[in-house]
Amino acid sequence: MTPTLEDLAILRLSEVKRLTGLCRTSIYEMMRDSIFPRSVSLGPRAIGWRASDIRVWLETRQAI
């Protein structure tokens, strides 16, 4: 399956918080515990998350 432009998008923390309903602390704790997608480095002081990783995580949460 060819990734779409939306799947290749990088989401910043504010968008990840909005989509997941989680606070910053919960996101980082869940990343530490390997139950949330890891962030990717965008530069020396910037990170983001792959939209496709967040979409898959949300889909698996709905299945629970």
C-alpha atoms as a PDB file:
ATOM      1  CA  MET A   1       0.000   0.000   0.000  1.00  0.00           C
ATOM      2  CA  THR A   2       1.404   3.364  -0.999  1.00  0.00           C
ATOM      3  CA  PRO A   3       1.470   5.900   1.828  1.00  0.00           C
ATOM      4  CA  THR A   4      -0.635   8.992   1.274  1.00  0.00           C
ATOM      5  CA  LEU A   5       0.583  12.510   1.850  1.00  0.00           C
ATOM      6  CA  GLU A   6      -1.502  12.545   5.022  1.00  0.00           C
ATOM      7  CA  ASP A   7       0.316   9.424   6.308  1.00  0.00           C
ATOM      8  CA  LEU A   8       3.654  11.125   5.704  1.00  0.00           C
ATOM      9  CA  ALA A   9       2.661  14.253   7.638  1.00  0.00           C
ATOM     10  CA  ILE A  10       4.372  15.101  10.895  1.00  0.00           C
ATOM     11  CA  LEU A  11       2.170  16.191  13.777  1.00  0.00           C
ATOM     12  CA  ARG A  12       3.366  18.551  16.486  1.00  0.00           C
ATOM     13  CA  LEU A  13       2.551  18.016  20.157  1.00  0.00           C
ATOM     14  CA  SER A  14      -0.489  20.304  20.171  1.00  0.00           C
ATOM     15  CA  GLU A  15      -2.114  18.318  17.348  1.00  0.00           C
ATOM     16  CA  VAL A  16      -1.256  14.962  18.955  1.00  0.00           C
ATOM     17  CA  LYS A  17      -2.821  16.169  22.210  1.00  0.00           C
ATOM     18  CA  ARG A  18      -5.952  17.292  20.354  1.00  0.00           C
ATOM     19  CA  LEU A  19      -6.324  14.027  18.419  1.00  0.00           C
ATOM     20  CA  THR A  20      -5.670  11.710  21.352  1.00  0.00           C
ATOM     21  CA  GLY A  21      -7.194  13.682  24.202  1.00  0.00           C
ATOM     22  CA  LEU A  22      -4.033  13.044  26.224  1.00  0.00           C
ATOM     23  CA  CYS A  23      -1.984  15.612  28.095  1.00  0.00           C
ATOM     24  CA  ARG A  24       1.739  16.126  27.500  1.00  0.00           C
ATOM     25  CA  THR A  25       2.716  14.196  30.629  1.00  0.00           C
ATOM     26  CA  SER A  26       0.615  11.166  29.663  1.00  0.00           C
ATOM     27  CA  ILE A  27       2.078  11.123  26.153  1.00  0.00           C
ATOM     28  CA  TYR A  28       5.649  11.134  27.451  1.00  0.00           C
ATOM     29  CA  GLU A  29       4.922   8.546  30.156  1.00  0.00           C
ATOM     30  CA  MET A  30       3.289   6.254  27.589  1.00  0.00           C
ATOM     31  CA  MET A  31       6.249   6.738  25.220  1.00  0.00           C
ATOM     32  CA  ARG A  32       8.581   5.783  28.084  1.00  0.00           C
ATOM     33  CA  ASP A  33       6.516   2.648  28.707  1.00  0.00           C
ATOM     34  CA  SER A  34       6.519   1.818  24.950  1.00  0.00           C
ATOM     35  CA  ILE A  35       2.728   2.025  24.636  1.00  0.00           C
ATOM     36  CA  PHE A  36       2.655   5.207  22.538  1.00  0.00           C
ATOM     37  CA  PRO A  37       4.478   5.947  19.268  1.00  0.00           C
ATOM     38  CA  ARG A  38       7.937   7.446  19.605  1.00  0.00           C
ATOM     39  CA  SER A  39       8.496  10.987  18.442  1.00  0.00           C
ATOM     40  CA  VAL A  40      10.862  11.825  15.608  1.00  0.00           C
ATOM     41  CA  SER A  41      13.464  14.565  15.707  1.00  0.00           C
ATOM     42  CA  LEU A  42      12.776  17.491  13.381  1.00  0.00           C
ATOM     43  CA  GLY A  43      15.804  19.491  14.400  1.00  0.00           C
ATOM     44  CA  PRO A  44      17.870  20.413  17.438  1.00  0.00           C
ATOM     45  CA  ARG A  45      14.856  21.645  19.421  1.00  0.00           C
ATOM     46  CA  ALA A  46      11.823  20.271  17.594  1.00  0.00           C
ATOM     47  CA  ILE A  47      10.031  16.926  17.572  1.00  0.00           C
ATOM     48  CA  GLY A  48       6.887  15.536  16.016  1.00  0.00           C
ATOM     49  CA  TRP A  49       5.010  12.314  15.453  1.00  0.00           C
ATOM     50  CA  ARG A  50       4.266  10.550  12.186  1.00  0.00           C
ATOM     51  CA  ALA A  51       0.559  10.939  11.418  1.00  0.00           C
ATOM     52  CA  SER A  52       0.429   7.298  10.328  1.00  0.00           C
ATOM     53  CA  ASP A  53       1.801   6.132  13.709  1.00  0.00           C
ATOM     54  CA  ILE A  54      -0.809   8.159  15.592  1.00  0.00           C
ATOM     55  CA  ARG A  55      -3.588   6.900  13.291  1.00  0.00           C
ATOM     56  CA  VAL A  56      -2.591   3.254  13.880  1.00  0.00           C
ATOM     57  CA  TRP A  57      -2.348   3.837  17.639  1.00  0.00           C
ATOM     58  CA  LEU A  58      -5.828   5.394  17.692  1.00  0.00           C
ATOM     59  CA  GLU A  59      -7.265   2.505  15.646  1.00  0.00           C
ATOM     60  CA  THR A  60      -5.812  -0.083  18.017  1.00  0.00           C
ATOM     61  CA  ARG A  61      -7.204   1.820  21.021  1.00  0.00           C
ATOM     62  CA  GLN A  62     -10.692   1.733  19.474  1.00  0.00           C
ATOM     63  CA  ALA A  63     -10.434  -2.031  19.103  1.00  0.00           C
ATOM     64  CA  ILE A  64      -9.877  -2.495  22.840  1.00  0.00           C
END
